[in-house]
Amino acid sequence: MSRPRDYQLVRNKNRYRVLQTLWDRAPITREEIASLTGLSNPTVQAALRDFNRRGLLSEVNRRESTGGRPAASWR
């Protein structure tokens, strides 16, 4: 297997894990998804951005910031 193909396989598996977690537990925050899946926050955020761009999910219940990026739930 070539390196780009390996990268794509891992990326697809990670996105599947995020999507499955959303399906099972939505609404859920990015941090909760990262904790449940063991994936990094940037990996989860990239998947969520892609799913949102494709119209597969939407951001709900944006919370006030406590100094960082405001928390939001996804479904």
C-alpha atoms as a PDB file:
ATOM      1  CA  MET A   1       0.000   0.000   0.000  1.00  0.00           C
ATOM      2  CA  SER A   2       1.264   3.440  -0.796  1.00  0.00           C
ATOM      3  CA  ARG A   3       1.445   6.181   1.805  1.00  0.00           C
ATOM      4  CA  PRO A   4      -1.358   8.390   0.335  1.00  0.00           C
ATOM      5  CA  ARG A   5      -3.684   5.400   0.248  1.00  0.00           C
ATOM      6  CA  ASP A   6      -2.870   4.604   3.897  1.00  0.00           C
ATOM      7  CA  TYR A   7      -3.557   8.221   4.833  1.00  0.00           C
ATOM      8  CA  GLN A   8      -6.933   8.152   3.091  1.00  0.00           C
ATOM      9  CA  LEU A   9      -7.882   4.887   4.816  1.00  0.00           C
ATOM     10  CA  VAL A  10      -7.055   6.282   8.263  1.00  0.00           C
ATOM     11  CA  ARG A  11      -8.877   9.534   7.484  1.00  0.00           C
ATOM     12  CA  ASN A  12     -11.992   7.649   6.378  1.00  0.00           C
ATOM     13  CA  LYS A  13     -11.926   5.425   9.474  1.00  0.00           C
ATOM     14  CA  ASN A  14     -11.611   8.477  11.730  1.00  0.00           C
ATOM     15  CA  ARG A  15     -14.495  10.236   9.990  1.00  0.00           C
ATOM     16  CA  TYR A  16     -16.604   7.103  10.333  1.00  0.00           C
ATOM     17  CA  ARG A  17     -15.882   7.057  14.094  1.00  0.00           C
ATOM     18  CA  VAL A  18     -16.977  10.695  14.381  1.00  0.00           C
ATOM     19  CA  LEU A  19     -20.122  10.081  12.337  1.00  0.00           C
ATOM     20  CA  GLN A  20     -21.016   6.962  14.351  1.00  0.00           C
ATOM     21  CA  THR A  21     -20.572   8.869  17.617  1.00  0.00           C
ATOM     22  CA  LEU A  22     -22.809  11.664  16.311  1.00  0.00           C
ATOM     23  CA  TRP A  23     -25.412   9.112  15.275  1.00  0.00           C
ATOM     24  CA  ASP A  24     -25.363   7.424  18.693  1.00  0.00           C
ATOM     25  CA  ARG A  25     -25.155  10.473  20.967  1.00  0.00           C
ATOM     26  CA  ALA A  26     -26.209  13.701  19.219  1.00  0.00           C
ATOM     27  CA  PRO A  27     -26.382  16.438  20.235  1.00  0.00           C
ATOM     28  CA  ILE A  28     -22.788  16.255  21.432  1.00  0.00           C
ATOM     29  CA  THR A  29     -19.844  18.658  21.640  1.00  0.00           C
ATOM     30  CA  ARG A  30     -16.569  18.374  19.738  1.00  0.00           C
ATOM     31  CA  GLU A  31     -14.739  17.778  23.015  1.00  0.00           C
ATOM     32  CA  GLU A  32     -17.100  14.952  23.958  1.00  0.00           C
ATOM     33  CA  ILE A  33     -16.621  13.331  20.543  1.00  0.00           C
ATOM     34  CA  ALA A  34     -12.835  13.567  20.926  1.00  0.00           C
ATOM     35  CA  SER A  35     -12.998  12.043  24.400  1.00  0.00           C
ATOM     36  CA  LEU A  36     -15.290   9.174  23.374  1.00  0.00           C
ATOM     37  CA  THR A  37     -13.417   8.301  20.185  1.00  0.00           C
ATOM     38  CA  GLY A  38      -9.853   8.950  21.358  1.00  0.00           C
ATOM     39  CA  LEU A  39      -9.321  11.226  18.354  1.00  0.00           C
ATOM     40  CA  SER A  40      -7.649  14.627  18.637  1.00  0.00           C
ATOM     41  CA  ASN A  41      -9.721  17.821  18.693  1.00  0.00           C
ATOM     42  CA  PRO A  42      -8.268  18.970  15.325  1.00  0.00           C
ATOM     43  CA  THR A  43      -9.176  15.628  13.725  1.00  0.00           C
ATOM     44  CA  VAL A  44     -12.721  15.831  15.068  1.00  0.00           C
ATOM     45  CA  GLN A  45     -13.047  19.493  14.030  1.00  0.00           C
ATOM     46  CA  ALA A  46     -11.911  18.718  10.479  1.00  0.00           C
ATOM     47  CA  ALA A  47     -14.490  15.935  10.196  1.00  0.00           C
ATOM     48  CA  LEU A  48     -17.260  18.154  11.595  1.00  0.00           C
ATOM     49  CA  ARG A  49     -16.386  20.969   9.177  1.00  0.00           C
ATOM     50  CA  ASP A  50     -16.513  18.544   6.261  1.00  0.00           C
ATOM     51  CA  PHE A  51     -19.837  17.024   7.352  1.00  0.00           C
ATOM     52  CA  ASN A  52     -21.295  20.498   7.920  1.00  0.00           C
ATOM     53  CA  ARG A  53     -20.117  21.689   4.502  1.00  0.00           C
ATOM     54  CA  ARG A  54     -21.817  18.646   2.933  1.00  0.00           C
ATOM     55  CA  GLY A  55     -25.062  19.350   4.805  1.00  0.00           C
ATOM     56  CA  LEU A  56     -24.888  16.180   6.904  1.00  0.00           C
ATOM     57  CA  LEU A  57     -25.112  17.909  10.269  1.00  0.00           C
ATOM     58  CA  SER A  58     -25.707  21.247  11.881  1.00  0.00           C
ATOM     59  CA  GLU A  59     -24.358  23.140  14.843  1.00  0.00           C
ATOM     60  CA  VAL A  60     -26.849  23.657  17.675  1.00  0.00           C
ATOM     61  CA  ASN A  61     -26.824  25.119  21.187  1.00  0.00           C
ATOM     62  CA  ARG A  62     -23.760  27.369  20.900  1.00  0.00           C
ATOM     63  CA  ARG A  63     -22.676  28.225  24.447  1.00  0.00           C
ATOM     64  CA  GLU A  64     -20.967  31.320  25.776  1.00  0.00           C
ATOM     65  CA  SER A  65     -17.193  31.347  25.645  1.00  0.00           C
ATOM     66  CA  THR A  66     -15.286  30.824  28.891  1.00  0.00           C
ATOM     67  CA  GLY A  67     -12.104  32.223  27.405  1.00  0.00           C
ATOM     68  CA  GLY A  68     -11.557  29.940  24.417  1.00  0.00           C
ATOM     69  CA  ARG A  69     -13.601  28.878  21.447  1.00  0.00           C
ATOM     70  CA  PRO A  70     -17.310  28.782  22.360  1.00  0.00           C
ATOM     71  CA  ALA A  71     -18.626  25.261  22.895  1.00  0.00           C
ATOM     72  CA  ALA A  72     -21.354  24.037  20.569  1.00  0.00           C
ATOM     73  CA  SER A  73     -23.235  20.795  20.160  1.00  0.00           C
ATOM     74  CA  TRP A  74     -23.644  19.032  16.825  1.00  0.00           C
ATOM     75  CA  ARG A  75     -26.389  16.872  15.442  1.00  0.00           C
END
